[in-house]
Amino acid sequence: MIVVVSFILSYILRHNFSLNLIALTDMFHQIPLVLVAYWIGFMIFKPYSGVVRFTVTQDIFLIFNGLYLIEIARVWYHTSS
């Protein structure tokens, strides 16, 4: 839920709060791709594994690695479209 809300807010902000029908349909087509990318990133890097015991610097790097992978996938998707 947080991923979807964050994506929608960032999409609206990126288009300066002026969305037309085409931008909305593009956004709704991209939401499933964003969810899959986030799910894969978090399954590969497992940033949640240290949260229960304690949080260390290594966990922060795992989170950033997952986010970096997702950002690369997002940029690749936008450049190939």
N, C-alpha and C. Protein backbone atom coordinates (compact mmCIF):
# COMPACT_ATOMS: atom_id res chain seq x y z
N MET A 1 0.82 -1.19 0.00
CA MET A 1 0.00 0.00 0.00
C MET A 1 0.87 1.27 0.00
N ILE A 2 1.93 1.25 0.80
CA ILE A 2 2.82 2.41 0.87
C ILE A 2 3.50 2.64 -0.47
N VAL A 3 3.87 1.55 -1.14
CA VAL A 3 4.54 1.67 -2.44
C VAL A 3 3.62 2.32 -3.45
N VAL A 4 2.37 1.91 -3.48
CA VAL A 4 1.41 2.45 -4.46
C VAL A 4 1.13 3.92 -4.18
N VAL A 5 0.90 4.27 -2.93
CA VAL A 5 0.64 5.67 -2.58
C VAL A 5 1.86 6.53 -2.91
N SER A 6 3.04 6.05 -2.58
CA SER A 6 4.26 6.81 -2.89
C SER A 6 4.44 6.98 -4.39
N PHE A 7 4.15 5.93 -5.15
CA PHE A 7 4.27 6.02 -6.60
C PHE A 7 3.29 7.03 -7.17
N ILE A 8 2.05 6.98 -6.72
CA ILE A 8 1.03 7.91 -7.22
C ILE A 8 1.40 9.35 -6.88
N LEU A 9 1.83 9.59 -5.65
CA LEU A 9 2.21 10.95 -5.26
C LEU A 9 3.42 11.44 -6.05
N SER A 10 4.40 10.58 -6.27
CA SER A 10 5.57 11.00 -7.04
C SER A 10 5.21 11.23 -8.50
N TYR A 11 4.29 10.44 -9.04
CA TYR A 11 3.86 10.62 -10.43
C TYR A 11 3.12 11.95 -10.59
N ILE A 12 2.26 12.25 -9.65
CA ILE A 12 1.52 13.51 -9.70
C ILE A 12 2.48 14.69 -9.55
N LEU A 13 3.44 14.59 -8.64
CA LEU A 13 4.42 15.65 -8.45
C LEU A 13 5.30 15.83 -9.68
N ARG A 14 5.67 14.73 -10.32
CA ARG A 14 6.52 14.81 -11.51
C ARG A 14 5.81 15.54 -12.65
N HIS A 15 4.50 15.41 -12.73
CA HIS A 15 3.72 16.07 -13.79
C HIS A 15 3.15 17.41 -13.33
N ASN A 16 3.70 17.96 -12.26
CA ASN A 16 3.31 19.28 -11.75
C ASN A 16 1.81 19.41 -11.48
N PHE A 17 1.22 18.36 -10.98
CA PHE A 17 -0.19 18.34 -10.58
C PHE A 17 -1.15 18.60 -11.74
N SER A 18 -0.70 18.43 -12.98
CA SER A 18 -1.59 18.59 -14.12
C SER A 18 -1.61 17.27 -14.91
N LEU A 19 -2.49 16.39 -14.51
CA LEU A 19 -2.58 15.09 -15.16
C LEU A 19 -3.71 15.09 -16.18
N ASN A 20 -3.42 14.54 -17.32
CA ASN A 20 -4.47 14.33 -18.30
C ASN A 20 -4.81 12.85 -18.35
N LEU A 21 -5.72 12.47 -19.19
CA LEU A 21 -6.16 11.08 -19.24
C LEU A 21 -5.03 10.14 -19.65
N ILE A 22 -4.19 10.56 -20.56
CA ILE A 22 -3.09 9.71 -21.02
C ILE A 22 -2.12 9.44 -19.88
N ALA A 23 -1.78 10.45 -19.13
CA ALA A 23 -0.85 10.28 -18.01
C ALA A 23 -1.45 9.36 -16.95
N LEU A 24 -2.74 9.48 -16.70
CA LEU A 24 -3.38 8.61 -15.72
C LEU A 24 -3.38 7.16 -16.18
N THR A 25 -3.68 6.93 -17.45
CA THR A 25 -3.68 5.55 -17.92
C THR A 25 -2.27 4.98 -17.91
N ASP A 26 -1.27 5.81 -18.24
CA ASP A 26 0.12 5.35 -18.15
C ASP A 26 0.47 4.98 -16.71
N MET A 27 0.05 5.83 -15.78
CA MET A 27 0.35 5.58 -14.38
C MET A 27 -0.28 4.26 -13.92
N PHE A 28 -1.52 4.03 -14.28
CA PHE A 28 -2.19 2.80 -13.84
C PHE A 28 -1.64 1.56 -14.53
N HIS A 29 -1.03 1.72 -15.69
CA HIS A 29 -0.37 0.59 -16.34
C HIS A 29 0.98 0.30 -15.69
N GLN A 30 1.59 1.30 -15.10
CA GLN A 30 2.91 1.15 -14.49
C GLN A 30 2.86 0.65 -13.05
N ILE A 31 1.73 0.81 -12.38
CA ILE A 31 1.63 0.40 -10.97
C ILE A 31 1.94 -1.09 -10.78
N PRO A 32 1.38 -2.01 -11.59
CA PRO A 32 1.76 -3.41 -11.39
C PRO A 32 3.25 -3.67 -11.61
N LEU A 33 3.86 -2.99 -12.56
CA LEU A 33 5.29 -3.16 -12.79
C LEU A 33 6.11 -2.66 -11.60
N VAL A 34 5.67 -1.55 -11.02
CA VAL A 34 6.36 -1.01 -9.84
C VAL A 34 6.24 -1.98 -8.67
N LEU A 35 5.06 -2.53 -8.46
CA LEU A 35 4.87 -3.48 -7.36
C LEU A 35 5.73 -4.73 -7.54
N VAL A 36 5.79 -5.25 -8.75
CA VAL A 36 6.62 -6.43 -9.01
C VAL A 36 8.10 -6.09 -8.80
N ALA A 37 8.53 -4.93 -9.26
CA ALA A 37 9.93 -4.54 -9.10
C ALA A 37 10.30 -4.40 -7.61
N TYR A 38 9.44 -3.78 -6.84
CA TYR A 38 9.69 -3.65 -5.40
C TYR A 38 9.70 -5.02 -4.72
N TRP A 39 8.77 -5.87 -5.09
CA TRP A 39 8.70 -7.20 -4.48
C TRP A 39 9.98 -7.99 -4.78
N ILE A 40 10.42 -7.97 -6.04
CA ILE A 40 11.64 -8.69 -6.42
C ILE A 40 12.85 -8.11 -5.69
N GLY A 41 12.94 -6.79 -5.65
CA GLY A 41 14.06 -6.16 -4.95
C GLY A 41 14.13 -6.53 -3.48
N PHE A 42 13.00 -6.55 -2.83
CA PHE A 42 12.99 -6.87 -1.42
C PHE A 42 13.19 -8.37 -1.17
N MET A 43 12.79 -9.22 -2.11
CA MET A 43 13.05 -10.65 -1.96
C MET A 43 14.53 -10.97 -2.19
N ILE A 44 15.17 -10.26 -3.10
CA ILE A 44 16.59 -10.51 -3.39
C ILE A 44 17.48 -10.01 -2.25
N PHE A 45 17.27 -8.77 -1.82
CA PHE A 45 18.17 -8.16 -0.84
C PHE A 45 17.75 -8.36 0.61
N LYS A 46 16.52 -8.79 0.87
CA LYS A 46 16.01 -9.08 2.21
C LYS A 46 16.36 -8.00 3.25
N PRO A 47 15.98 -6.76 3.00
CA PRO A 47 16.33 -5.69 3.94
C PRO A 47 15.57 -5.78 5.26
N TYR A 48 14.53 -6.55 5.28
CA TYR A 48 13.69 -6.68 6.47
C TYR A 48 14.24 -7.69 7.46
N SER A 49 15.27 -8.45 7.10
CA SER A 49 15.72 -9.57 7.92
C SER A 49 16.29 -9.15 9.27
N GLY A 50 16.89 -7.99 9.36
CA GLY A 50 17.50 -7.58 10.62
C GLY A 50 16.63 -6.69 11.47
N VAL A 51 15.42 -6.41 11.05
CA VAL A 51 14.58 -5.45 11.76
C VAL A 51 14.13 -6.00 13.12
N VAL A 52 13.85 -7.27 13.19
CA VAL A 52 13.33 -7.85 14.44
C VAL A 52 14.39 -7.84 15.52
N ARG A 53 15.61 -8.23 15.19
CA ARG A 53 16.67 -8.31 16.19
C ARG A 53 17.26 -6.94 16.49
N PHE A 54 17.85 -6.35 15.49
CA PHE A 54 18.46 -5.04 15.64
C PHE A 54 18.79 -4.52 14.24
N THR A 55 18.92 -3.25 14.15
CA THR A 55 19.25 -2.64 12.87
C THR A 55 20.69 -2.18 12.90
N VAL A 56 21.43 -2.59 11.89
CA VAL A 56 22.83 -2.20 11.78
C VAL A 56 23.05 -1.51 10.44
N THR A 57 24.24 -1.04 10.24
CA THR A 57 24.57 -0.35 9.00
C THR A 57 24.39 -1.25 7.79
N GLN A 58 24.65 -2.53 7.95
CA GLN A 58 24.51 -3.47 6.83
C GLN A 58 23.06 -3.51 6.34
N ASP A 59 22.09 -3.43 7.23
CA ASP A 59 20.68 -3.42 6.84
C ASP A 59 20.35 -2.18 6.02
N ILE A 60 20.93 -1.07 6.38
CA ILE A 60 20.69 0.17 5.63
C ILE A 60 21.24 0.03 4.22
N PHE A 61 22.41 -0.58 4.08
CA PHE A 61 22.97 -0.81 2.75
C PHE A 61 22.11 -1.76 1.93
N LEU A 62 21.52 -2.78 2.56
CA LEU A 62 20.62 -3.68 1.85
C LEU A 62 19.39 -2.95 1.33
N ILE A 63 18.86 -2.05 2.14
CA ILE A 63 17.69 -1.27 1.70
C ILE A 63 18.07 -0.41 0.51
N PHE A 64 19.21 0.28 0.58
CA PHE A 64 19.63 1.12 -0.53
C PHE A 64 19.95 0.30 -1.78
N ASN A 65 20.50 -0.90 -1.61
CA ASN A 65 20.76 -1.76 -2.76
C ASN A 65 19.45 -2.14 -3.44
N GLY A 66 18.45 -2.49 -2.66
CA GLY A 66 17.14 -2.82 -3.23
C GLY A 66 16.51 -1.63 -3.95
N LEU A 67 16.58 -0.48 -3.33
CA LEU A 67 16.02 0.72 -3.96
C LEU A 67 16.79 1.10 -5.22
N TYR A 68 18.10 0.91 -5.21
CA TYR A 68 18.92 1.23 -6.37
C TYR A 68 18.56 0.32 -7.54
N LEU A 69 18.37 -0.97 -7.27
CA LEU A 69 17.97 -1.91 -8.32
C LEU A 69 16.62 -1.53 -8.91
N ILE A 70 15.70 -1.14 -8.07
CA ILE A 70 14.37 -0.75 -8.54
C ILE A 70 14.45 0.51 -9.39
N GLU A 71 15.28 1.46 -8.99
CA GLU A 71 15.43 2.69 -9.75
C GLU A 71 16.05 2.42 -11.12
N ILE A 72 17.02 1.52 -11.18
CA ILE A 72 17.61 1.14 -12.47
C ILE A 72 16.55 0.51 -13.37
N ALA A 73 15.73 -0.36 -12.82
CA ALA A 73 14.66 -0.99 -13.61
C ALA A 73 13.66 0.06 -14.09
N ARG A 74 13.34 1.02 -13.25
CA ARG A 74 12.38 2.05 -13.63
C ARG A 74 12.94 2.92 -14.75
N VAL A 75 14.20 3.33 -14.65
CA VAL A 75 14.82 4.15 -15.69
C VAL A 75 14.92 3.36 -16.98
N TRP A 76 15.27 2.09 -16.90
CA TRP A 76 15.36 1.26 -18.08
C TRP A 76 13.99 1.14 -18.76
N TYR A 77 12.94 0.99 -17.97
CA TYR A 77 11.60 0.88 -18.53
C TYR A 77 11.22 2.17 -19.25
N HIS A 78 11.51 3.31 -18.66
CA HIS A 78 11.15 4.58 -19.27
C HIS A 78 11.96 4.89 -20.53
N THR A 79 13.21 4.44 -20.58
CA THR A 79 14.02 4.70 -21.77
C THR A 79 13.69 3.75 -22.90
N SER A 80 13.15 2.56 -22.58
CA SER A 80 12.81 1.61 -23.63
C SER A 80 11.41 1.85 -24.19
N SER A 81 10.61 2.66 -23.51
CA SER A 81 9.23 2.92 -23.98
C SER A 81 9.20 3.97 -25.05
